Amino acid sequence: MPQFSRPAAALIAELCLAPVQLMAPSAALAQARPGLVSFQRIAMPDDVPAHLSTAMVQDQRGLLWLGTQDGLVRYDGYGFKVYRARPGDPAALGGSYVRSLLVARDGRLWVGTISGGLAVFDPRTERFTQYRHDAARPDSLSNDRVESIAEDAAGQMWLATSDGLDRLDPASGRVQHFRNDPADPASLASNIARAVLFDREGRLWVGSREGLQRWLGGARFELVAGGGETMRGQQVTRLMQDKRGRIWAGTGKEGAAVYDPASGSLKRLRPALIPASQASAASSGSPAYAIKATGASGATHATHATNATRAAKLAGGADGNGSDGLSHFWIYSMAETAQGEIWLGTFGGGIDVVDPATLKVIDRLHHDALPSTIGNDRIGALLTDRSGLVWAGSWGGGLARHDPSTRAFLKLRHSPRDATGPSHPAIVRAMETADGQLWLGTNGNGIDVLGPDGLLRHGYRPDPAQAGALADGSVSCMAQAADGTVWVGTLDGTLHRLRPGRSRFDRYDQKSGLPGGPVRTMVFGPDGALWVGALNGLARIDAASGRVGAAYRHQPDDATTLAGREVEALAFTADGTLWVGSDNGLTAFDTATGKGVRIRREPGRADSLPDNWIPDLMTARDGRLWLATQSGAAILQSWDGETARFDALGPRLNLPSARPNR
């Protein structure tokens, strides 16, 4: 069938008529979180190093700042500006490899680097002030590697460095140090500090190679534990407070954890993919990481894993949560969306979306060939901006943006990496069945059947030599009867019937009485009979016997036959009239007599049919007949058995495809 542009959105409702590229979710496809997350990748010049992001913040003016391995990048929605270290220039960054960012309450931007110390950027002067480690000055930075920055109520800057926790007084430039004392269990647990956070209640949390601690004042710290869980010995690299007041900790080896200060509970979110050294049965020569799966007996075993996506789908989490385990052990970034979801950016497994109430993984966002995915599965930075947009910066894949408002639609697309999605890139037909399943007709691989969750359950594949299979893989039309029987047309001209409870199709072709050619449209009449429109005409199939009755074709010399040879669309109106759209006009067909009245475009009549090619028909809820034509959409206004009058929407709406009847 030729491709065409739909002139009216209302005509999309007829699933059997035109190719479907994107599917909107129905009630049967309702999910706990509506829709599928899609991203828009941000194009950037090759000389902008934002292809590799390590940190991200939004300043008070709304500008986006990205830390990278080669400088600090500012993005205003239109273009990028890069700030780099310049040796000998104290007004520039001290180092170009940015590890942490913080926008202070005074509007200045604090920048921690991997070896160039700390710098603060003043947007009014566009200049930096540097703070560096100086062995000759005890009140300078402990170390020039600054992994995290937090601001307290007094405007003091707390820094996680590779030689302890620092508190910087910006006014004096002096630094106070907090370090581990092996003889004092209440001291900082490790000098390799990696994360600091002031929560909304003013409490300071510190993540290091020895877990998560809470500062008690002075030089005293308390290790966080609760519910039989502890983070002792865990490398905590990221910290975040959610809307519920809970503290989220991302680790470099053991996934994530969430601590509730109000209840004292600590819950772990462990990965499905764990270091092979920790797997219980890792064999020699195994890859660097293995899947830890829990069998029915509770025993664990290690298997090879080459891909975090596959591991997450096939293996259970280390805590026995099955497929709820995280996609990767290394949590590199975290963000809470405006809807309250927790997004965990991993360093190799994409983004895990966690339900804030159940703490279950409810989505896994991975890089794919599709442009609507993240650019890379190594997520270096996540940010929810003030408008609710979610930004994801990756290592090697650039910057991508997600707009949660786009989740009003569920996009179903084929991907070679996703065995749970459509099996073929060309989805040309779609139909929701009475049991809530979604049938997708493809242009080559038959039919995919998706469950109410939008995941592929099974399919019907073509095999011309197998009588009960589809005769052809290119689906042209689908319809379901009231008794549950499914009818499928394919491009080779075969019509297939799948009765309830059966797994094999019955085939119909021209020898069975069909008019011949690909079946392009189907509709059920008031008596339950199936009317089939094909390349060479129209046929009726009796609901009770399943037999093909008479076929109706275009006869040039008989005005009571169909207006055109090729039947494109069918629709019944409340008066029992079967309307037949064709390649050469519209027919008002009387199913009782088998005769029709031809309706064609009449130049000079403003209320005539806009065009003779009628590829789509729909009866709206109010009973009116809508038509799609080459010259725009139209609504049947009146029909007296001889003359049809139409309201052509194209000219009235000033649509570019409209052609006035002259």
Foldseek 3Di string as FASTA:
>chain_A
DDADDFQDPVQVPPQFFWFDFFFFADPLQDDPAFADWFWFFDDADPPDQLLAFFEWDAFPVRWIWTQGQAAIWIDPPPYIDGFADDPPDQFGQQHRRWQEWDQDPVRWIWTAHQARAIWIADVVVRTIHGFADDPVDPFGDPGSGWREWEAAPVRWIWTQGQQAIWTADVVVRGIDGFADDVVDPFAPPHRNWAYWYQFPVRWIWTFAQQAIWTDPDDRGIHFQDAPPDGGGRFHWHYWDAFPQRWIKTFTAFFGIWIADPVVSHIGGQGAQKHALVPFPERDPPADRIWGWAQDPVRDTHTDHDDALVVSLQQGQGPVRNGSQHHSHRGFQEWDAFPVGWIWTQGQGQAIFTADPPVRGGPDGFADFPDSRGAQHSGWNYWDQGPVRKIWTRGGSGGIIITDSVVSSGYGFADGPVDPFGDPDRRFTGWDQFPVSWIWTQGQFFGIFIHGSNRTTDDGFGDDCVDQFGHNTRHWQGWDAFPQGWIWTWHQQAWIWIDHPPDDGTHIDHVVQAEQHGTFHEWDAFPQRWIWTFHQAFIWIADPPPRGIDHTFADDPVDQFGDQDRGFQEWDAFPVRWIWTFAQFFIWRADPVVRTTHGFAADAPDQFGDQHRHWNGWDQDPVRWIWTQDQQHIWIFDDDDPHDTGIDGVCVVVVPPSHDGRD
